[in-house]
Amino acid sequence: MTTENPRWLKSSYSDNGGQCVEVAANLATSHGIVPIRDSKNPTGPALNIPATAFAAFITSVKTEDFGGTQ
């Protein structure tokens, strides 16, 4: 396994008001995970989400389909 470092990104929709999360999607292909962290605490913990689960979440957000009733 390589020691590739996460490249943290914030959404272009973020207004930089401090209530953001950052993702490191560059690790999805090589490691199968998408780390997520609180942008206010960049040295704090990160959640490592399986890349397939993160992709499903993004698809649900884009299509507004969260599997529930409205």
PDB file of N, CA and C in Angstrom:
ATOM      1  N   MET A   1       0.844  -1.179   0.000  1.00  0.00           N
ATOM      2  CA  MET A   1       0.000   0.000   0.000  1.00  0.00           C
ATOM      3  C   MET A   1       0.891   1.244   0.000  1.00  0.00           C
ATOM      4  N   THR A   2       0.480   2.253  -0.719  1.00  0.00           N
ATOM      5  CA  THR A   2       1.244   3.495  -0.746  1.00  0.00           C
ATOM      6  C   THR A   2       0.910   4.343   0.469  1.00  0.00           C
ATOM      7  N   THR A   3       1.700   5.355   0.678  1.00  0.00           N
ATOM      8  CA  THR A   3       1.450   6.286   1.778  1.00  0.00           C
ATOM      9  C   THR A   3       0.922   7.609   1.229  1.00  0.00           C
ATOM     10  N   GLU A   4       0.051   7.520   0.258  1.00  0.00           N
ATOM     11  CA  GLU A   4      -0.535   8.700  -0.366  1.00  0.00           C
ATOM     12  C   GLU A   4      -1.255   9.552   0.686  1.00  0.00           C
ATOM     13  N   ASN A   5      -1.020  10.855   0.652  1.00  0.00           N
ATOM     14  CA  ASN A   5      -1.657  11.775   1.589  1.00  0.00           C
ATOM     15  C   ASN A   5      -3.006  12.245   1.067  1.00  0.00           C
ATOM     16  N   PRO A   6      -3.963  12.466   1.967  1.00  0.00           N
ATOM     17  CA  PRO A   6      -5.248  13.012   1.539  1.00  0.00           C
ATOM     18  C   PRO A   6      -5.090  14.436   1.018  1.00  0.00           C
ATOM     19  N   ARG A   7      -5.803  14.746  -0.051  1.00  0.00           N
ATOM     20  CA  ARG A   7      -5.884  16.125  -0.554  1.00  0.00           C
ATOM     21  C   ARG A   7      -7.273  16.626  -0.200  1.00  0.00           C
ATOM     22  N   TRP A   8      -7.340  17.439   0.828  1.00  0.00           N
ATOM     23  CA  TRP A   8      -8.617  17.890   1.380  1.00  0.00           C
ATOM     24  C   TRP A   8      -9.251  18.967   0.512  1.00  0.00           C
ATOM     25  N   LEU A   9     -10.558  18.806   0.284  1.00  0.00           N
ATOM     26  CA  LEU A   9     -11.332  19.749  -0.527  1.00  0.00           C
ATOM     27  C   LEU A   9     -12.615  20.123   0.186  1.00  0.00           C
ATOM     28  N   LYS A  10     -13.023  21.379   0.020  1.00  0.00           N
ATOM     29  CA  LYS A  10     -14.344  21.838   0.454  1.00  0.00           C
ATOM     30  C   LYS A  10     -15.198  22.040  -0.778  1.00  0.00           C
ATOM     31  N   SER A  11     -16.479  21.943  -0.621  1.00  0.00           N
ATOM     32  CA  SER A  11     -17.403  22.165  -1.723  1.00  0.00           C
ATOM     33  C   SER A  11     -17.267  23.575  -2.274  1.00  0.00           C
ATOM     34  N   SER A  12     -17.403  23.694  -3.580  1.00  0.00           N
ATOM     35  CA  SER A  12     -17.393  25.033  -4.187  1.00  0.00           C
ATOM     36  C   SER A  12     -18.629  25.818  -3.774  1.00  0.00           C
ATOM     37  N   TYR A  13     -19.632  25.143  -3.224  1.00  0.00           N
ATOM     38  CA  TYR A  13     -20.844  25.810  -2.736  1.00  0.00           C
ATOM     39  C   TYR A  13     -20.668  26.359  -1.329  1.00  0.00           C
ATOM     40  N   SER A  14     -19.560  26.032  -0.692  1.00  0.00           N
ATOM     41  CA  SER A  14     -19.306  26.504   0.663  1.00  0.00           C
ATOM     42  C   SER A  14     -19.060  28.000   0.649  1.00  0.00           C
ATOM     43  N   ASP A  15     -19.726  28.705   1.566  1.00  0.00           N
ATOM     44  CA  ASP A  15     -19.510  30.151   1.640  1.00  0.00           C
ATOM     45  C   ASP A  15     -18.411  30.503   2.628  1.00  0.00           C
ATOM     46  N   ASN A  16     -17.681  29.478   3.069  1.00  0.00           N
ATOM     47  CA  ASN A  16     -16.565  29.634   3.997  1.00  0.00           C
ATOM     48  C   ASN A  16     -17.018  30.238   5.321  1.00  0.00           C
ATOM     49  N   GLY A  17     -18.232  29.912   5.750  1.00  0.00           N
ATOM     50  CA  GLY A  17     -18.763  30.419   7.008  1.00  0.00           C
ATOM     51  C   GLY A  17     -18.370  29.596   8.217  1.00  0.00           C
ATOM     52  N   GLY A  18     -17.538  28.589   8.032  1.00  0.00           N
ATOM     53  CA  GLY A  18     -17.052  27.812   9.151  1.00  0.00           C
ATOM     54  C   GLY A  18     -17.860  26.569   9.477  1.00  0.00           C
ATOM     55  N   GLN A  19     -18.953  26.324   8.793  1.00  0.00           N
ATOM     56  CA  GLN A  19     -19.781  25.149   9.046  1.00  0.00           C
ATOM     57  C   GLN A  19     -19.612  24.147   7.911  1.00  0.00           C
ATOM     58  N   CYS A  20     -18.398  23.759   7.625  1.00  0.00           N
ATOM     59  CA  CYS A  20     -18.102  22.942   6.447  1.00  0.00           C
ATOM     60  C   CYS A  20     -17.472  21.616   6.836  1.00  0.00           C
ATOM     61  N   VAL A  21     -17.569  20.691   5.922  1.00  0.00           N
ATOM     62  CA  VAL A  21     -16.797  19.461   6.008  1.00  0.00           C
ATOM     63  C   VAL A  21     -15.862  19.437   4.810  1.00  0.00           C
ATOM     64  N   GLU A  22     -14.796  18.688   4.947  1.00  0.00           N
ATOM     65  CA  GLU A  22     -13.843  18.513   3.855  1.00  0.00           C
ATOM     66  C   GLU A  22     -13.764  17.023   3.538  1.00  0.00           C
ATOM     67  N   VAL A  23     -13.543  16.717   2.276  1.00  0.00           N
ATOM     68  CA  VAL A  23     -13.385  15.326   1.851  1.00  0.00           C
ATOM     69  C   VAL A  23     -12.058  15.176   1.120  1.00  0.00           C
ATOM     70  N   ALA A  24     -11.533  13.978   1.149  1.00  0.00           N
ATOM     71  CA  ALA A  24     -10.301  13.664   0.427  1.00  0.00           C
ATOM     72  C   ALA A  24     -10.622  12.555  -0.568  1.00  0.00           C
ATOM     73  N   ALA A  25     -11.263  12.929  -1.657  1.00  0.00           N
ATOM     74  CA  ALA A  25     -11.708  11.951  -2.654  1.00  0.00           C
ATOM     75  C   ALA A  25     -10.558  11.303  -3.406  1.00  0.00           C
ATOM     76  N   ASN A  26      -9.357  11.846  -3.309  1.00  0.00           N
ATOM     77  CA  ASN A  26      -8.221  11.270  -4.030  1.00  0.00           C
ATOM     78  C   ASN A  26      -7.850   9.872  -3.533  1.00  0.00           C
ATOM     79  N   LEU A  27      -8.359   9.470  -2.381  1.00  0.00           N
ATOM     80  CA  LEU A  27      -8.043   8.144  -1.852  1.00  0.00           C
ATOM     81  C   LEU A  27      -9.083   7.089  -2.226  1.00  0.00           C
ATOM     82  N   ALA A  28     -10.139   7.494  -2.929  1.00  0.00           N
ATOM     83  CA  ALA A  28     -11.221   6.561  -3.261  1.00  0.00           C
ATOM     84  C   ALA A  28     -10.726   5.401  -4.123  1.00  0.00           C
ATOM     85  N   THR A  29      -9.992   5.696  -5.160  1.00  0.00           N
ATOM     86  CA  THR A  29      -9.540   4.639  -6.064  1.00  0.00           C
ATOM     87  C   THR A  29      -8.414   3.810  -5.452  1.00  0.00           C
ATOM     88  N   SER A  30      -7.430   4.462  -4.885  1.00  0.00           N
ATOM     89  CA  SER A  30      -6.255   3.739  -4.389  1.00  0.00           C
ATOM     90  C   SER A  30      -6.489   3.003  -3.075  1.00  0.00           C
ATOM     91  N   HIS A  31      -7.374   3.511  -2.224  1.00  0.00           N
ATOM     92  CA  HIS A  31      -7.578   2.918  -0.900  1.00  0.00           C
ATOM     93  C   HIS A  31      -9.016   2.460  -0.650  1.00  0.00           C
ATOM     94  N   GLY A  32      -9.943   2.843  -1.513  1.00  0.00           N
ATOM     95  CA  GLY A  32     -11.334   2.435  -1.343  1.00  0.00           C
ATOM     96  C   GLY A  32     -12.075   3.180  -0.261  1.00  0.00           C
ATOM     97  N   ILE A  33     -11.528   4.325   0.180  1.00  0.00           N
ATOM     98  CA  ILE A  33     -12.170   5.121   1.222  1.00  0.00           C
ATOM     99  C   ILE A  33     -12.236   6.587   0.808  1.00  0.00           C
ATOM    100  N   VAL A  34     -13.160   7.308   1.443  1.00  0.00           N
ATOM    101  CA  VAL A  34     -13.232   8.757   1.294  1.00  0.00           C
ATOM    102  C   VAL A  34     -13.221   9.336   2.706  1.00  0.00           C
ATOM    103  N   PRO A  35     -12.071   9.842   3.154  1.00  0.00           N
ATOM    104  CA  PRO A  35     -12.019  10.458   4.472  1.00  0.00           C
ATOM    105  C   PRO A  35     -12.812  11.764   4.489  1.00  0.00           C
ATOM    106  N   ILE A  36     -13.490  12.016   5.610  1.00  0.00           N
ATOM    107  CA  ILE A  36     -14.273  13.235   5.801  1.00  0.00           C
ATOM    108  C   ILE A  36     -13.874  13.815   7.148  1.00  0.00           C
ATOM    109  N   ARG A  37     -13.691  15.158   7.197  1.00  0.00           N
ATOM    110  CA  ARG A  37     -13.327  15.797   8.464  1.00  0.00           C
ATOM    111  C   ARG A  37     -14.023  17.147   8.600  1.00  0.00           C
ATOM    112  N   ASP A  38     -14.034  17.653   9.806  1.00  0.00           N
ATOM    113  CA  ASP A  38     -14.585  18.964  10.125  1.00  0.00           C
ATOM    114  C   ASP A  38     -13.550  20.018   9.729  1.00  0.00           C
ATOM    115  N   SER A  39     -13.945  20.952   8.878  1.00  0.00           N
ATOM    116  CA  SER A  39     -12.982  21.962   8.414  1.00  0.00           C
ATOM    117  C   SER A  39     -12.507  22.878   9.532  1.00  0.00           C
ATOM    118  N   LYS A  40     -13.272  22.972  10.622  1.00  0.00           N
ATOM    119  CA  LYS A  40     -12.855  23.805  11.749  1.00  0.00           C
ATOM    120  C   LYS A  40     -11.771  23.136  12.592  1.00  0.00           C
ATOM    121  N   ASN A  41     -11.586  21.831  12.395  1.00  0.00           N
ATOM    122  CA  ASN A  41     -10.632  21.075  13.196  1.00  0.00           C
ATOM    123  C   ASN A  41      -9.780  20.179  12.282  1.00  0.00           C
ATOM    124  N   PRO A  42      -8.922  20.784  11.456  1.00  0.00           N
ATOM    125  CA  PRO A  42      -8.172  19.998  10.475  1.00  0.00           C
ATOM    126  C   PRO A  42      -7.181  19.009  11.075  1.00  0.00           C
ATOM    127  N   THR A  43      -6.815  19.158  12.325  1.00  0.00           N
ATOM    128  CA  THR A  43      -5.910  18.189  12.956  1.00  0.00           C
ATOM    129  C   THR A  43      -6.676  17.145  13.759  1.00  0.00           C
ATOM    130  N   GLY A  44      -7.990  17.259  13.771  1.00  0.00           N
ATOM    131  CA  GLY A  44      -8.824  16.309  14.508  1.00  0.00           C
ATOM    132  C   GLY A  44      -9.051  15.038  13.708  1.00  0.00           C
ATOM    133  N   PRO A  45      -9.945  14.207  14.202  1.00  0.00           N
ATOM    134  CA  PRO A  45     -10.192  12.921  13.558  1.00  0.00           C
ATOM    135  C   PRO A  45     -10.906  13.061  12.222  1.00  0.00           C
ATOM    136  N   ALA A  46     -10.754  12.049  11.406  1.00  0.00           N
ATOM    137  CA  ALA A  46     -11.465  11.963  10.127  1.00  0.00           C
ATOM    138  C   ALA A  46     -12.246  10.654  10.116  1.00  0.00           C
ATOM    139  N   LEU A  47     -13.407  10.686   9.504  1.00  0.00           N
ATOM    140  CA  LEU A  47     -14.190   9.471   9.300  1.00  0.00           C
ATOM    141  C   LEU A  47     -13.793   8.879   7.954  1.00  0.00           C
ATOM    142  N   ASN A  48     -13.463   7.615   7.927  1.00  0.00           N
ATOM    143  CA  ASN A  48     -13.126   6.942   6.670  1.00  0.00           C
ATOM    144  C   ASN A  48     -14.348   6.188   6.172  1.00  0.00           C
ATOM    145  N   ILE A  49     -15.007   6.742   5.172  1.00  0.00           N
ATOM    146  CA  ILE A  49     -16.226   6.183   4.611  1.00  0.00           C
ATOM    147  C   ILE A  49     -15.857   5.316   3.406  1.00  0.00           C
ATOM    148  N   PRO A  50     -16.433   4.115   3.286  1.00  0.00           N
ATOM    149  CA  PRO A  50     -16.166   3.322   2.077  1.00  0.00           C
ATOM    150  C   PRO A  50     -16.562   4.111   0.824  1.00  0.00           C
ATOM    151  N   ALA A  51     -15.728   4.045  -0.193  1.00  0.00           N
ATOM    152  CA  ALA A  51     -15.954   4.830  -1.418  1.00  0.00           C
ATOM    153  C   ALA A  51     -17.314   4.527  -2.037  1.00  0.00           C
ATOM    154  N   THR A  52     -17.751   3.275  -1.978  1.00  0.00           N
ATOM    155  CA  THR A  52     -19.048   2.922  -2.557  1.00  0.00           C
ATOM    156  C   THR A  52     -20.196   3.571  -1.793  1.00  0.00           C
ATOM    157  N   ALA A  53     -20.093   3.640  -0.471  1.00  0.00           N
ATOM    158  CA  ALA A  53     -21.128   4.291   0.341  1.00  0.00           C
ATOM    159  C   ALA A  53     -21.145   5.793   0.084  1.00  0.00           C
ATOM    160  N   PHE A  54     -19.970   6.400  -0.044  1.00  0.00           N
ATOM    161  CA  PHE A  54     -19.909   7.836  -0.317  1.00  0.00           C
ATOM    162  C   PHE A  54     -20.510   8.142  -1.687  1.00  0.00           C
ATOM    163  N   ALA A  55     -20.221   7.311  -2.685  1.00  0.00           N
ATOM    164  CA  ALA A  55     -20.793   7.511  -4.026  1.00  0.00           C
ATOM    165  C   ALA A  55     -22.312   7.394  -3.990  1.00  0.00           C
ATOM    166  N   ALA A  56     -22.840   6.435  -3.239  1.00  0.00           N
ATOM    167  CA  ALA A  56     -24.289   6.283  -3.114  1.00  0.00           C
ATOM    168  C   ALA A  56     -24.905   7.496  -2.428  1.00  0.00           C
ATOM    169  N   PHE A  57     -24.241   8.022  -1.406  1.00  0.00           N
ATOM    170  CA  PHE A  57     -24.717   9.222  -0.718  1.00  0.00           C
ATOM    171  C   PHE A  57     -24.774  10.409  -1.676  1.00  0.00           C
ATOM    172  N   ILE A  58     -23.724  10.632  -2.442  1.00  0.00           N
ATOM    173  CA  ILE A  58     -23.683  11.749  -3.394  1.00  0.00           C
ATOM    174  C   ILE A  58     -24.781  11.607  -4.439  1.00  0.00           C
ATOM    175  N   THR A  59     -24.987  10.396  -4.929  1.00  0.00           N
ATOM    176  CA  THR A  59     -26.068  10.160  -5.896  1.00  0.00           C
ATOM    177  C   THR A  59     -27.417  10.499  -5.277  1.00  0.00           C
ATOM    178  N   SER A  60     -27.638  10.092  -4.032  1.00  0.00           N
ATOM    179  CA  SER A  60     -28.898  10.398  -3.346  1.00  0.00           C
ATOM    180  C   SER A  60     -29.103  11.900  -3.168  1.00  0.00           C
ATOM    181  N   VAL A  61     -28.036  12.607  -2.841  1.00  0.00           N
ATOM    182  CA  VAL A  61     -28.142  14.065  -2.689  1.00  0.00           C
ATOM    183  C   VAL A  61     -28.494  14.713  -4.020  1.00  0.00           C
ATOM    184  N   LYS A  62     -27.827  14.298  -5.069  1.00  0.00           N
ATOM    185  CA  LYS A  62     -28.067  14.898  -6.387  1.00  0.00           C
ATOM    186  C   LYS A  62     -29.482  14.627  -6.896  1.00  0.00           C
ATOM    187  N   THR A  63     -30.014  13.446  -6.604  1.00  0.00           N
ATOM    188  CA  THR A  63     -31.348  13.082  -7.108  1.00  0.00           C
ATOM    189  C   THR A  63     -32.441  13.336  -6.070  1.00  0.00           C
ATOM    190  N   GLU A  64     -32.043  13.792  -4.880  1.00  0.00           N
ATOM    191  CA  GLU A  64     -32.965  14.031  -3.770  1.00  0.00           C
ATOM    192  C   GLU A  64     -33.781  12.782  -3.441  1.00  0.00           C
ATOM    193  N   ASP A  65     -33.159  11.627  -3.545  1.00  0.00           N
ATOM    194  CA  ASP A  65     -33.799  10.355  -3.266  1.00  0.00           C
ATOM    195  C   ASP A  65     -33.115   9.710  -2.050  1.00  0.00           C
ATOM    196  N   PHE A  66     -33.729   9.875  -0.894  1.00  0.00           N
ATOM    197  CA  PHE A  66     -33.140   9.346   0.327  1.00  0.00           C
ATOM    198  C   PHE A  66     -33.864   8.110   0.835  1.00  0.00           C
ATOM    199  N   GLY A  67     -34.723   7.531  -0.001  1.00  0.00           N
ATOM    200  CA  GLY A  67     -35.360   6.274   0.347  1.00  0.00           C
ATOM    201  C   GLY A  67     -36.486   6.372   1.353  1.00  0.00           C
ATOM    202  N   GLY A  68     -36.860   7.558   1.770  1.00  0.00           N
ATOM    203  CA  GLY A  68     -37.942   7.725   2.732  1.00  0.00           C
ATOM    204  C   GLY A  68     -39.185   8.287   2.074  1.00  0.00           C
ATOM    205  N   THR A  69     -40.216   8.426   2.868  1.00  0.00           N
ATOM    206  CA  THR A  69     -41.446   9.048   2.376  1.00  0.00           C
ATOM    207  C   THR A  69     -41.439  10.528   2.728  1.00  0.00           C
ATOM    208  N   GLN A  70     -42.126  11.286   1.935  1.00  0.00           N
ATOM    209  CA  GLN A  70     -42.134  12.735   2.199  1.00  0.00           C
ATOM    210  C   GLN A  70     -43.493  13.212   2.587  1.00  0.00           C
TER     211      GLN A  70
END
